[in-house]
Amino acid sequence: MQRILITLFTTFIFITATKAQNQMKIPPYLKKGDTVAILATARKIDMAPLKPAIALLKSWGLNVVTGKTVGLDNNQLAGADWQRATDFQEMIDDPAIKAVWCAKGGYGTVRMIDRVDFTKFKKNPKWIIGFSDATVLHSHINNMNIATLHGIMCISVANATNEAKESLRKALFGETLAYAIPAHPFNKQGTVTAELIGGNLSVLYSILGSRSEPDYKGKILFIEDLDEYLYHIDRMMMNLKRNGYFANVKGIIIGGMSKMRDNDIPWGHDALEIIQDITKEYNIPICFNFPAGHIHDNRALILGSEVTLTVTESGTKVTFN
C-alpha cells in the first residue's frame, strides 16, 4: 500500500509540474508611464512614418523609444541581420522596456530570429506586437509558452480604424477583449475553447519543419494573407491539409485575404472559396472574414491565449478568456 501511495503521489507531482511548465505565460499588462520600444525586424523604415504610432502611444500615457534599426538601410532591410537581431536583443533584455512594437513587416525577421537569445526574455516576458512577417516572432515565442500580440504595425496606424487601434490598447492594458462579427455563408457552426495560434499563412508555410513552427494540435488556428497568387493559396492550404494540420486543430479563423492575384488563365476560385473547399470536410467551427490581417480594420489578437470561438447561424463570437 505504501508503495502504491508513493507511486500515486509521485505521478501527481509529475503531472502538476508538467502542467506548470506548459502553462502559457501572459506578459505583464501595460500601465501609464511604461515604455514601449519601436524597432524594425524586417524591412527598412525611417522616422517620418512612425510619427502617428508614437503619437498614439503617448496619447495612452506611454513613453516611447526607437531602436537603432530605424533609419538603417541595407537594400530592402533595416540593416544587416546582426544589426536587427542586436537591436531586438537589447530591447527584450532591457527591464525598462515593457513592450516591443514592430515598425514594419515585409520580409526579414526569419533571417535574424536564430541570432536572438531569449534566456532573459523567458524569465521576464514582455509584449511583442505586430503581424504579417512578425508571425515568425509570434510562433517562435508561443513555442516558449509565452503569449504575443498580433495587431497593427507602427506603419499601419495612420490608416487603421479606430476599432483596430482601440483593440490594441485594450489588449495591452489588459481590458476585456471580445469580438462579435456577422455570419458568413462559408462558416461552419460550433463552439470550442482552446489556445489561439497562427498569423500570416505564407510565413507559417515558410517555417514548417523549423523550430519556429507552432504546435497545431488542439489549437484554434488563425490565418490571413496578402498579395499572393491564388494557386499559391491552394498550394499552401493543401500542404497543411496533407500533413494533417487541419485534422489536429479544434477550430479555424480566417482573416483578411487581401489583394490576391491570378494568372492569365484564371484559377477559377477566390481565396475564401479555396480555403472553404479544402477545410469543409472537418467537423470543427470555422469562421470566415474575421477583421484581422492586411486590412485597415486589423483587430488585435492575443496569440497563445485561451479563447472561445462560437460560430452560429447569426454570427461569430471570439472571446479571450
C-alpha atoms as a PDB file:
ATOM      1  CA  MET A   1       0.000   0.000   0.000  1.00  0.00           C
ATOM      2  CA  GLN A   2       2.791   2.386   0.895  1.00  0.00           C
ATOM      3  CA  ARG A   3       4.456   1.782  -2.465  1.00  0.00           C
ATOM      4  CA  ILE A   4       1.161   2.431  -4.248  1.00  0.00           C
ATOM      5  CA  LEU A   5       0.673   5.707  -2.348  1.00  0.00           C
ATOM      6  CA  ILE A   6       4.222   6.798  -3.133  1.00  0.00           C
ATOM      7  CA  THR A   7       3.719   5.973  -6.816  1.00  0.00           C
ATOM      8  CA  LEU A   8       0.438   7.892  -6.956  1.00  0.00           C
ATOM      9  CA  PHE A   9       1.977  10.874  -5.176  1.00  0.00           C
ATOM     10  CA  THR A  10       4.994  10.872  -7.499  1.00  0.00           C
ATOM     11  CA  THR A  11       2.714  10.702 -10.532  1.00  0.00           C
ATOM     12  CA  PHE A  12       0.630  13.600  -9.211  1.00  0.00           C
ATOM     13  CA  ILE A  13       3.728  15.730  -8.659  1.00  0.00           C
ATOM     14  CA  PHE A  14       4.998  14.929 -12.174  1.00  0.00           C
ATOM     15  CA  ILE A  15       1.696  15.805 -13.828  1.00  0.00           C
ATOM     16  CA  THR A  16       1.383  19.019 -11.805  1.00  0.00           C
ATOM     17  CA  ALA A  17       4.928  20.052 -12.676  1.00  0.00           C
ATOM     18  CA  THR A  18       4.386  19.278 -16.353  1.00  0.00           C
ATOM     19  CA  LYS A  19       1.214  21.376 -16.450  1.00  0.00           C
ATOM     20  CA  ALA A  20       3.018  24.236 -14.708  1.00  0.00           C
ATOM     21  CA  GLN A  21       5.842  24.079 -17.260  1.00  0.00           C
ATOM     22  CA  ASN A  22       3.391  24.080 -20.166  1.00  0.00           C
ATOM     23  CA  GLN A  23       1.169  26.851 -18.838  1.00  0.00           C
ATOM     24  CA  MET A  24       1.161  29.859 -21.153  1.00  0.00           C
ATOM     25  CA  LYS A  25       2.691  32.997 -19.643  1.00  0.00           C
ATOM     26  CA  ILE A  26       0.847  36.250 -20.262  1.00  0.00           C
ATOM     27  CA  PRO A  27       3.308  39.175 -20.202  1.00  0.00           C
ATOM     28  CA  PRO A  28       2.516  41.928 -17.690  1.00  0.00           C
ATOM     29  CA  TYR A  29      -0.126  44.315 -18.979  1.00  0.00           C
ATOM     30  CA  LEU A  30       0.919  47.905 -19.511  1.00  0.00           C
ATOM     31  CA  LYS A  31       0.120  50.855 -17.305  1.00  0.00           C
ATOM     32  CA  LYS A  32       0.561  54.577 -17.840  1.00  0.00           C
ATOM     33  CA  GLY A  33       4.186  55.597 -17.630  1.00  0.00           C
ATOM     34  CA  ASP A  34       5.501  52.347 -19.127  1.00  0.00           C
ATOM     35  CA  THR A  35       7.898  52.433 -22.074  1.00  0.00           C
ATOM     36  CA  VAL A  36       7.338  50.836 -25.483  1.00  0.00           C
ATOM     37  CA  ALA A  37      10.193  50.263 -27.931  1.00  0.00           C
ATOM     38  CA  ILE A  38       9.706  50.630 -31.679  1.00  0.00           C
ATOM     39  CA  LEU A  39      12.150  48.822 -33.958  1.00  0.00           C
ATOM     40  CA  ALA A  40      12.432  47.098 -37.325  1.00  0.00           C
ATOM     41  CA  THR A  41      12.982  43.340 -37.620  1.00  0.00           C
ATOM     42  CA  ALA A  42      12.429  43.217 -41.376  1.00  0.00           C
ATOM     43  CA  ARG A  43      12.135  45.964 -43.985  1.00  0.00           C
ATOM     44  CA  LYS A  44      13.699  49.380 -43.616  1.00  0.00           C
ATOM     45  CA  ILE A  45      11.807  52.401 -42.342  1.00  0.00           C
ATOM     46  CA  ASP A  46      12.685  55.930 -41.251  1.00  0.00           C
ATOM     47  CA  MET A  47      11.192  58.129 -38.550  1.00  0.00           C
ATOM     48  CA  ALA A  48       8.571  60.011 -40.573  1.00  0.00           C
ATOM     49  CA  PRO A  49       6.043  57.134 -40.996  1.00  0.00           C
ATOM     50  CA  LEU A  50       6.366  56.314 -37.282  1.00  0.00           C
ATOM     51  CA  LYS A  51       5.046  59.643 -36.006  1.00  0.00           C
ATOM     52  CA  PRO A  52       1.353  58.555 -35.882  1.00  0.00           C
ATOM     53  CA  ALA A  53       2.308  55.444 -33.880  1.00  0.00           C
ATOM     54  CA  ILE A  54       4.433  57.459 -31.468  1.00  0.00           C
ATOM     55  CA  ALA A  55       1.608  59.960 -31.013  1.00  0.00           C
ATOM     56  CA  LEU A  56      -0.837  57.125 -30.366  1.00  0.00           C
ATOM     57  CA  LEU A  57       1.322  55.577 -27.651  1.00  0.00           C
ATOM     58  CA  LYS A  58       1.822  58.943 -25.981  1.00  0.00           C
ATOM     59  CA  SER A  59      -1.947  59.563 -26.040  1.00  0.00           C
ATOM     60  CA  TRP A  60      -2.250  56.360 -23.974  1.00  0.00           C
ATOM     61  CA  GLY A  61       0.172  57.745 -21.397  1.00  0.00           C
ATOM     62  CA  LEU A  62       3.107  55.627 -22.555  1.00  0.00           C
ATOM     63  CA  ASN A  63       6.717  56.563 -23.192  1.00  0.00           C
ATOM     64  CA  VAL A  64       8.433  55.653 -26.469  1.00  0.00           C
ATOM     65  CA  VAL A  65      11.965  54.780 -27.504  1.00  0.00           C
ATOM     66  CA  THR A  66      13.051  53.935 -31.039  1.00  0.00           C
ATOM     67  CA  GLY A  67      15.590  51.275 -31.886  1.00  0.00           C
ATOM     68  CA  LYS A  68      18.850  51.632 -33.763  1.00  0.00           C
ATOM     69  CA  THR A  69      17.324  49.868 -36.760  1.00  0.00           C
ATOM     70  CA  VAL A  70      15.023  52.802 -37.504  1.00  0.00           C
ATOM     71  CA  GLY A  71      16.698  54.629 -40.377  1.00  0.00           C
ATOM     72  CA  LEU A  72      19.158  51.875 -41.293  1.00  0.00           C
ATOM     73  CA  ASP A  73      19.319  50.975 -44.979  1.00  0.00           C
ATOM     74  CA  ASN A  74      20.533  47.611 -46.233  1.00  0.00           C
ATOM     75  CA  ASN A  75      18.787  47.334 -49.593  1.00  0.00           C
ATOM     76  CA  GLN A  76      15.275  46.182 -48.599  1.00  0.00           C
ATOM     77  CA  LEU A  77      16.184  45.505 -44.988  1.00  0.00           C
ATOM     78  CA  ALA A  78      16.568  47.703 -41.898  1.00  0.00           C
ATOM     79  CA  GLY A  79      20.246  46.933 -41.530  1.00  0.00           C
ATOM     80  CA  ALA A  80      22.165  43.686 -41.626  1.00  0.00           C
ATOM     81  CA  ASP A  81      20.760  40.582 -39.940  1.00  0.00           C
ATOM     82  CA  TRP A  82      23.094  41.021 -36.951  1.00  0.00           C
ATOM     83  CA  GLN A  83      22.032  44.657 -36.551  1.00  0.00           C
ATOM     84  CA  ARG A  84      18.315  43.807 -36.466  1.00  0.00           C
ATOM     85  CA  ALA A  85      18.958  40.907 -34.098  1.00  0.00           C
ATOM     86  CA  THR A  86      21.113  43.066 -31.813  1.00  0.00           C
ATOM     87  CA  ASP A  87      18.513  45.827 -31.699  1.00  0.00           C
ATOM     88  CA  PHE A  88      15.785  43.330 -30.830  1.00  0.00           C
ATOM     89  CA  GLN A  89      18.023  41.637 -28.252  1.00  0.00           C
ATOM     90  CA  GLU A  90      18.782  44.886 -26.468  1.00  0.00           C
ATOM     91  CA  MET A  91      15.105  45.828 -26.271  1.00  0.00           C
ATOM     92  CA  ILE A  92      13.842  42.489 -24.959  1.00  0.00           C
ATOM     93  CA  ASP A  93      16.653  42.363 -22.376  1.00  0.00           C
ATOM     94  CA  ASP A  94      16.111  45.929 -21.134  1.00  0.00           C
ATOM     95  CA  PRO A  95      13.926  45.762 -17.983  1.00  0.00           C
ATOM     96  CA  ALA A  96      12.733  49.329 -18.595  1.00  0.00           C
ATOM     97  CA  ILE A  97      11.070  48.266 -21.873  1.00  0.00           C
ATOM     98  CA  LYS A  98       7.625  46.742 -21.295  1.00  0.00           C
ATOM     99  CA  ALA A  99       6.635  46.067 -24.914  1.00  0.00           C
ATOM    100  CA  VAL A 100       8.334  45.854 -28.314  1.00  0.00           C
ATOM    101  CA  TRP A 101       6.350  47.053 -31.325  1.00  0.00           C
ATOM    102  CA  CYS A 102       7.464  46.083 -34.829  1.00  0.00           C
ATOM    103  CA  ALA A 103       7.645  49.136 -37.068  1.00  0.00           C
ATOM    104  CA  LYS A 104       7.046  47.352 -40.349  1.00  0.00           C
ATOM    105  CA  GLY A 105       6.682  43.916 -41.905  1.00  0.00           C
ATOM    106  CA  GLY A 106       7.753  42.780 -45.342  1.00  0.00           C
ATOM    107  CA  TYR A 107      10.377  40.071 -45.109  1.00  0.00           C
ATOM    108  CA  GLY A 108      13.449  39.545 -42.983  1.00  0.00           C
ATOM    109  CA  THR A 109      12.527  38.510 -39.442  1.00  0.00           C
ATOM    110  CA  VAL A 110      13.277  34.850 -40.182  1.00  0.00           C
ATOM    111  CA  ARG A 111      16.830  35.880 -41.094  1.00  0.00           C
ATOM    112  CA  MET A 112      17.567  37.262 -37.618  1.00  0.00           C
ATOM    113  CA  ILE A 113      15.466  35.109 -35.260  1.00  0.00           C
ATOM    114  CA  ASP A 114      18.117  32.426 -34.652  1.00  0.00           C
ATOM    115  CA  ARG A 115      20.616  35.078 -33.564  1.00  0.00           C
ATOM    116  CA  VAL A 116      18.442  36.110 -30.612  1.00  0.00           C
ATOM    117  CA  ASP A 117      18.999  34.717 -27.102  1.00  0.00           C
ATOM    118  CA  PHE A 118      15.639  34.512 -25.313  1.00  0.00           C
ATOM    119  CA  THR A 119      17.045  33.392 -21.927  1.00  0.00           C
ATOM    120  CA  LYS A 120      16.244  36.634 -20.090  1.00  0.00           C
ATOM    121  CA  PHE A 121      13.013  37.113 -22.026  1.00  0.00           C
ATOM    122  CA  LYS A 122      11.682  33.743 -20.843  1.00  0.00           C
ATOM    123  CA  LYS A 123      12.167  34.814 -17.228  1.00  0.00           C
ATOM    124  CA  ASN A 124      10.735  38.298 -17.766  1.00  0.00           C
ATOM    125  CA  PRO A 125       8.486  38.256 -20.853  1.00  0.00           C
ATOM    126  CA  LYS A 126       7.082  41.399 -22.407  1.00  0.00           C
ATOM    127  CA  TRP A 127       4.600  42.059 -25.187  1.00  0.00           C
ATOM    128  CA  ILE A 128       5.832  41.590 -28.751  1.00  0.00           C
ATOM    129  CA  ILE A 129       3.460  43.374 -31.150  1.00  0.00           C
ATOM    130  CA  GLY A 130       2.998  43.089 -34.899  1.00  0.00           C
ATOM    131  CA  PHE A 131       1.594  40.970 -37.708  1.00  0.00           C
ATOM    132  CA  SER A 132       2.496  39.691 -41.167  1.00  0.00           C
ATOM    133  CA  ASP A 133       6.261  38.963 -41.111  1.00  0.00           C
ATOM    134  CA  ALA A 134       6.127  39.195 -37.301  1.00  0.00           C
ATOM    135  CA  THR A 135       4.365  35.805 -37.436  1.00  0.00           C
ATOM    136  CA  VAL A 136       7.887  34.372 -37.110  1.00  0.00           C
ATOM    137  CA  LEU A 137       8.203  36.073 -33.712  1.00  0.00           C
ATOM    138  CA  HIS A 138       4.722  35.019 -32.618  1.00  0.00           C
ATOM    139  CA  SER A 139       5.230  31.350 -33.445  1.00  0.00           C
ATOM    140  CA  HIS A 140       8.789  31.213 -32.104  1.00  0.00           C
ATOM    141  CA  ILE A 141       7.798  32.838 -28.804  1.00  0.00           C
ATOM    142  CA  ASN A 142       4.486  30.984 -28.424  1.00  0.00           C
ATOM    143  CA  ASN A 143       6.612  27.812 -28.519  1.00  0.00           C
ATOM    144  CA  MET A 144       8.218  29.114 -25.314  1.00  0.00           C
ATOM    145  CA  ASN A 145       4.747  29.203 -23.731  1.00  0.00           C
ATOM    146  CA  ILE A 146       4.660  32.997 -23.849  1.00  0.00           C
ATOM    147  CA  ALA A 147       1.744  34.914 -25.371  1.00  0.00           C
ATOM    148  CA  THR A 148       2.249  37.599 -28.026  1.00  0.00           C
ATOM    149  CA  LEU A 149       0.081  40.288 -29.586  1.00  0.00           C
ATOM    150  CA  HIS A 150      -0.985  40.063 -33.237  1.00  0.00           C
ATOM    151  CA  GLY A 151      -2.038  43.587 -34.179  1.00  0.00           C
ATOM    152  CA  ILE A 152      -1.328  46.626 -36.282  1.00  0.00           C
ATOM    153  CA  MET A 153       2.257  47.612 -37.070  1.00  0.00           C
ATOM    154  CA  CYS A 154       3.524  51.104 -36.357  1.00  0.00           C
ATOM    155  CA  ILE A 155       3.327  51.928 -40.055  1.00  0.00           C
ATOM    156  CA  SER A 156      -0.336  50.808 -40.072  1.00  0.00           C
ATOM    157  CA  VAL A 157      -1.518  53.362 -37.513  1.00  0.00           C
ATOM    158  CA  ALA A 158      -2.124  56.222 -39.946  1.00  0.00           C
ATOM    159  CA  ASN A 159      -4.724  54.212 -41.891  1.00  0.00           C
ATOM    160  CA  ALA A 160      -6.024  51.904 -39.150  1.00  0.00           C
ATOM    161  CA  THR A 161      -9.622  52.107 -37.997  1.00  0.00           C
ATOM    162  CA  ASN A 162     -10.411  53.413 -34.547  1.00  0.00           C
ATOM    163  CA  GLU A 163     -11.634  49.912 -33.679  1.00  0.00           C
ATOM    164  CA  ALA A 164      -8.270  48.409 -34.602  1.00  0.00           C
ATOM    165  CA  LYS A 165      -6.339  50.937 -32.525  1.00  0.00           C
ATOM    166  CA  GLU A 166      -8.706  50.605 -29.576  1.00  0.00           C
ATOM    167  CA  SER A 167      -8.444  46.804 -29.660  1.00  0.00           C
ATOM    168  CA  LEU A 168      -4.660  47.129 -29.429  1.00  0.00           C
ATOM    169  CA  ARG A 169      -4.965  49.427 -26.425  1.00  0.00           C
ATOM    170  CA  LYS A 170      -7.396  47.077 -24.685  1.00  0.00           C
ATOM    171  CA  ALA A 171      -5.119  44.095 -25.250  1.00  0.00           C
ATOM    172  CA  LEU A 172      -2.025  45.910 -23.978  1.00  0.00           C
ATOM    173  CA  PHE A 173      -3.737  47.277 -20.874  1.00  0.00           C
ATOM    174  CA  GLY A 174      -5.471  44.023 -20.005  1.00  0.00           C
ATOM    175  CA  GLU A 175      -9.033  45.116 -20.650  1.00  0.00           C
ATOM    176  CA  THR A 176     -11.737  42.700 -21.813  1.00  0.00           C
ATOM    177  CA  LEU A 177     -11.171  41.625 -25.410  1.00  0.00           C
ATOM    178  CA  ALA A 178     -14.114  40.116 -27.286  1.00  0.00           C
ATOM    179  CA  TYR A 179     -15.423  40.333 -30.836  1.00  0.00           C
ATOM    180  CA  ALA A 180     -18.788  39.735 -32.480  1.00  0.00           C
ATOM    181  CA  ILE A 181     -18.848  39.671 -36.291  1.00  0.00           C
ATOM    182  CA  PRO A 182     -21.517  38.953 -38.924  1.00  0.00           C
ATOM    183  CA  ALA A 183     -22.134  35.473 -40.278  1.00  0.00           C
ATOM    184  CA  HIS A 184     -20.501  34.320 -43.495  1.00  0.00           C
ATOM    185  CA  PRO A 185     -22.051  31.695 -45.827  1.00  0.00           C
ATOM    186  CA  PHE A 186     -18.891  29.541 -45.636  1.00  0.00           C
ATOM    187  CA  ASN A 187     -18.858  29.416 -41.817  1.00  0.00           C
ATOM    188  CA  LYS A 188     -19.108  26.063 -40.033  1.00  0.00           C
ATOM    189  CA  GLN A 189     -21.029  26.237 -36.784  1.00  0.00           C
ATOM    190  CA  GLY A 190     -19.783  25.094 -33.412  1.00  0.00           C
ATOM    191  CA  THR A 191     -18.193  26.198 -30.160  1.00  0.00           C
ATOM    192  CA  VAL A 192     -14.699  25.435 -28.928  1.00  0.00           C
ATOM    193  CA  THR A 193     -12.299  26.764 -26.302  1.00  0.00           C
ATOM    194  CA  ALA A 194      -8.583  26.398 -26.998  1.00  0.00           C
ATOM    195  CA  GLU A 195      -5.304  28.231 -27.400  1.00  0.00           C
ATOM    196  CA  LEU A 196      -5.115  30.600 -30.378  1.00  0.00           C
ATOM    197  CA  ILE A 197      -2.108  30.367 -32.704  1.00  0.00           C
ATOM    198  CA  GLY A 198      -1.234  31.438 -36.229  1.00  0.00           C
ATOM    199  CA  GLY A 199      -0.776  34.567 -38.297  1.00  0.00           C
ATOM    200  CA  ASN A 200       0.258  35.052 -41.888  1.00  0.00           C
ATOM    201  CA  LEU A 201      -0.323  31.918 -43.966  1.00  0.00           C
ATOM    202  CA  SER A 202       2.735  32.396 -46.194  1.00  0.00           C
ATOM    203  CA  VAL A 203       5.002  32.858 -43.179  1.00  0.00           C
ATOM    204  CA  LEU A 204       3.511  29.858 -41.376  1.00  0.00           C
ATOM    205  CA  TYR A 205       4.112  27.839 -44.556  1.00  0.00           C
ATOM    206  CA  SER A 206       7.719  29.060 -44.749  1.00  0.00           C
ATOM    207  CA  ILE A 207       8.607  27.963 -41.193  1.00  0.00           C
ATOM    208  CA  LEU A 208       7.137  24.441 -41.435  1.00  0.00           C
ATOM    209  CA  GLY A 209       9.689  21.969 -40.101  1.00  0.00           C
ATOM    210  CA  SER A 210      11.760  24.631 -38.333  1.00  0.00           C
ATOM    211  CA  ARG A 211      11.972  25.172 -34.578  1.00  0.00           C
ATOM    212  CA  SER A 212       9.744  28.210 -35.052  1.00  0.00           C
ATOM    213  CA  GLU A 213       6.869  26.075 -36.343  1.00  0.00           C
ATOM    214  CA  PRO A 214       3.945  26.252 -33.891  1.00  0.00           C
ATOM    215  CA  ASP A 215       2.293  23.212 -32.363  1.00  0.00           C
ATOM    216  CA  TYR A 216      -1.064  22.983 -34.145  1.00  0.00           C
ATOM    217  CA  LYS A 217      -2.523  20.087 -32.165  1.00  0.00           C
ATOM    218  CA  GLY A 218      -5.606  21.006 -30.180  1.00  0.00           C
ATOM    219  CA  LYS A 219      -5.349  24.715 -31.087  1.00  0.00           C
ATOM    220  CA  ILE A 220      -7.527  27.268 -32.852  1.00  0.00           C
ATOM    221  CA  LEU A 221      -5.676  28.357 -35.985  1.00  0.00           C
ATOM    222  CA  PHE A 222      -5.876  31.931 -37.296  1.00  0.00           C
ATOM    223  CA  ILE A 223      -4.660  32.667 -40.844  1.00  0.00           C
ATOM    224  CA  GLU A 224      -4.546  35.708 -43.123  1.00  0.00           C
ATOM    225  CA  ASP A 225      -2.560  36.716 -46.196  1.00  0.00           C
ATOM    226  CA  LEU A 226      -1.821  39.417 -48.749  1.00  0.00           C
ATOM    227  CA  ASP A 227      -0.711  39.717 -52.363  1.00  0.00           C
ATOM    228  CA  GLU A 228      -0.423  36.025 -53.177  1.00  0.00           C
ATOM    229  CA  TYR A 229      -1.330  34.186 -56.354  1.00  0.00           C
ATOM    230  CA  LEU A 230      -4.499  32.195 -55.837  1.00  0.00           C
ATOM    231  CA  TYR A 231      -2.806  28.939 -56.752  1.00  0.00           C
ATOM    232  CA  HIS A 232      -0.209  29.706 -54.056  1.00  0.00           C
ATOM    233  CA  ILE A 233      -3.035  29.855 -51.508  1.00  0.00           C
ATOM    234  CA  ASP A 234      -4.253  26.485 -52.770  1.00  0.00           C
ATOM    235  CA  ARG A 235      -0.747  25.001 -52.607  1.00  0.00           C
ATOM    236  CA  MET A 236      -0.123  26.191 -49.043  1.00  0.00           C
ATOM    237  CA  MET A 237      -3.525  25.034 -47.817  1.00  0.00           C
ATOM    238  CA  MET A 238      -3.093  21.633 -49.472  1.00  0.00           C
ATOM    239  CA  ASN A 239       0.298  21.242 -47.806  1.00  0.00           C
ATOM    240  CA  LEU A 240      -1.204  21.909 -44.374  1.00  0.00           C
ATOM    241  CA  LYS A 241      -4.032  19.506 -45.103  1.00  0.00           C
ATOM    242  CA  ARG A 242      -1.843  16.683 -46.395  1.00  0.00           C
ATOM    243  CA  ASN A 243       0.434  16.985 -43.358  1.00  0.00           C
ATOM    244  CA  GLY A 244      -2.523  16.578 -41.011  1.00  0.00           C
ATOM    245  CA  TYR A 245      -2.583  20.054 -39.513  1.00  0.00           C
ATOM    246  CA  PHE A 246      -6.274  20.716 -40.148  1.00  0.00           C
ATOM    247  CA  ALA A 247      -7.187  17.310 -38.763  1.00  0.00           C
ATOM    248  CA  ASN A 248      -5.478  18.247 -35.497  1.00  0.00           C
ATOM    249  CA  VAL A 249      -6.824  21.765 -34.877  1.00  0.00           C
ATOM    250  CA  LYS A 250     -10.031  22.434 -32.932  1.00  0.00           C
ATOM    251  CA  GLY A 251     -11.133  25.456 -34.952  1.00  0.00           C
ATOM    252  CA  ILE A 252     -10.066  27.852 -37.712  1.00  0.00           C
ATOM    253  CA  ILE A 253     -10.407  31.623 -38.038  1.00  0.00           C
ATOM    254  CA  ILE A 254      -9.803  33.112 -41.485  1.00  0.00           C
ATOM    255  CA  GLY A 255      -8.932  36.788 -41.539  1.00  0.00           C
ATOM    256  CA  GLY A 256      -8.313  39.103 -44.466  1.00  0.00           C
ATOM    257  CA  MET A 257      -7.249  37.562 -47.766  1.00  0.00           C
ATOM    258  CA  SER A 258      -6.308  40.806 -49.433  1.00  0.00           C
ATOM    259  CA  LYS A 259      -5.226  41.896 -52.910  1.00  0.00           C
ATOM    260  CA  MET A 260      -4.914  38.375 -54.311  1.00  0.00           C
ATOM    261  CA  ARG A 261      -3.514  37.873 -57.788  1.00  0.00           C
ATOM    262  CA  ASP A 262      -4.398  35.498 -60.595  1.00  0.00           C
ATOM    263  CA  ASN A 263      -2.752  34.207 -63.756  1.00  0.00           C
ATOM    264  CA  ASP A 264      -3.789  34.924 -67.339  1.00  0.00           C
ATOM    265  CA  ILE A 265      -5.636  31.625 -67.193  1.00  0.00           C
ATOM    266  CA  PRO A 266      -7.790  32.115 -64.066  1.00  0.00           C
ATOM    267  CA  TRP A 267      -7.559  29.696 -61.155  1.00  0.00           C
ATOM    268  CA  GLY A 268     -11.358  29.728 -61.039  1.00  0.00           C
ATOM    269  CA  HIS A 269     -11.909  30.368 -57.325  1.00  0.00           C
ATOM    270  CA  ASP A 270     -11.137  33.245 -54.990  1.00  0.00           C
ATOM    271  CA  ALA A 271      -9.098  32.781 -51.803  1.00  0.00           C
ATOM    272  CA  LEU A 272     -12.072  32.181 -49.500  1.00  0.00           C
ATOM    273  CA  GLU A 273     -13.535  29.624 -51.911  1.00  0.00           C
ATOM    274  CA  ILE A 274     -10.205  27.806 -51.999  1.00  0.00           C
ATOM    275  CA  ILE A 275      -9.998  27.700 -48.205  1.00  0.00           C
ATOM    276  CA  GLN A 276     -13.636  26.666 -47.843  1.00  0.00           C
ATOM    277  CA  ASP A 277     -13.216  23.791 -50.298  1.00  0.00           C
ATOM    278  CA  ILE A 278     -10.104  22.454 -48.549  1.00  0.00           C
ATOM    279  CA  THR A 279     -11.468  22.741 -44.985  1.00  0.00           C
ATOM    280  CA  LYS A 280     -15.131  21.801 -45.491  1.00  0.00           C
ATOM    281  CA  GLU A 281     -14.633  18.148 -44.529  1.00  0.00           C
ATOM    282  CA  TYR A 282     -13.554  18.966 -40.972  1.00  0.00           C
ATOM    283  CA  ASN A 283     -16.183  18.895 -38.250  1.00  0.00           C
ATOM    284  CA  ILE A 284     -14.888  21.941 -36.389  1.00  0.00           C
ATOM    285  CA  PRO A 285     -16.072  25.562 -36.074  1.00  0.00           C
ATOM    286  CA  ILE A 286     -14.678  27.706 -38.883  1.00  0.00           C
ATOM    287  CA  CYS A 287     -15.080  31.472 -39.141  1.00  0.00           C
ATOM    288  CA  PHE A 288     -14.540  33.406 -42.364  1.00  0.00           C
ATOM    289  CA  ASN A 289     -13.888  37.138 -42.841  1.00  0.00           C
ATOM    290  CA  PHE A 290     -12.635  37.871 -39.337  1.00  0.00           C
ATOM    291  CA  PRO A 291     -11.398  41.507 -39.133  1.00  0.00           C
ATOM    292  CA  ALA A 292      -7.664  40.892 -38.805  1.00  0.00           C
ATOM    293  CA  GLY A 293      -4.795  40.890 -41.260  1.00  0.00           C
ATOM    294  CA  HIS A 294      -3.711  43.233 -44.060  1.00  0.00           C
ATOM    295  CA  ILE A 295      -6.820  45.371 -43.760  1.00  0.00           C
ATOM    296  CA  HIS A 296      -7.484  48.745 -42.161  1.00  0.00           C
ATOM    297  CA  ASP A 297      -9.693  47.128 -39.502  1.00  0.00           C
ATOM    298  CA  ASN A 298      -6.954  44.864 -38.158  1.00  0.00           C
ATOM    299  CA  ARG A 299      -8.213  43.871 -34.701  1.00  0.00           C
ATOM    300  CA  ALA A 300      -5.783  42.711 -32.040  1.00  0.00           C
ATOM    301  CA  LEU A 301      -5.469  39.001 -31.227  1.00  0.00           C
ATOM    302  CA  ILE A 302      -3.569  37.602 -28.249  1.00  0.00           C
ATOM    303  CA  LEU A 303      -1.770  34.592 -29.696  1.00  0.00           C
ATOM    304  CA  GLY A 304      -1.065  31.924 -27.117  1.00  0.00           C
ATOM    305  CA  SER A 305      -4.104  32.965 -25.115  1.00  0.00           C
ATOM    306  CA  GLU A 306      -7.089  30.718 -24.500  1.00  0.00           C
ATOM    307  CA  VAL A 307     -10.106  31.852 -26.499  1.00  0.00           C
ATOM    308  CA  THR A 308     -13.656  30.685 -27.012  1.00  0.00           C
ATOM    309  CA  LEU A 309     -14.764  30.571 -30.638  1.00  0.00           C
ATOM    310  CA  THR A 310     -18.528  30.407 -31.124  1.00  0.00           C
ATOM    311  CA  VAL A 311     -19.892  30.191 -34.666  1.00  0.00           C
ATOM    312  CA  THR A 312     -23.658  30.227 -35.059  1.00  0.00           C
ATOM    313  CA  GLU A 313     -26.131  30.915 -37.834  1.00  0.00           C
ATOM    314  CA  SER A 314     -26.395  34.532 -36.724  1.00  0.00           C
ATOM    315  CA  GLY A 315     -22.677  35.285 -36.456  1.00  0.00           C
ATOM    316  CA  THR A 316     -19.352  34.620 -34.763  1.00  0.00           C
ATOM    317  CA  LYS A 317     -18.050  35.497 -31.311  1.00  0.00           C
ATOM    318  CA  VAL A 318     -14.418  35.327 -30.252  1.00  0.00           C
ATOM    319  CA  THR A 319     -13.823  35.861 -26.543  1.00  0.00           C
ATOM    320  CA  PHE A 320     -10.425  35.933 -24.852  1.00  0.00           C
ATOM    321  CA  ASN A 321     -10.628  34.105 -21.538  1.00  0.00           C
END
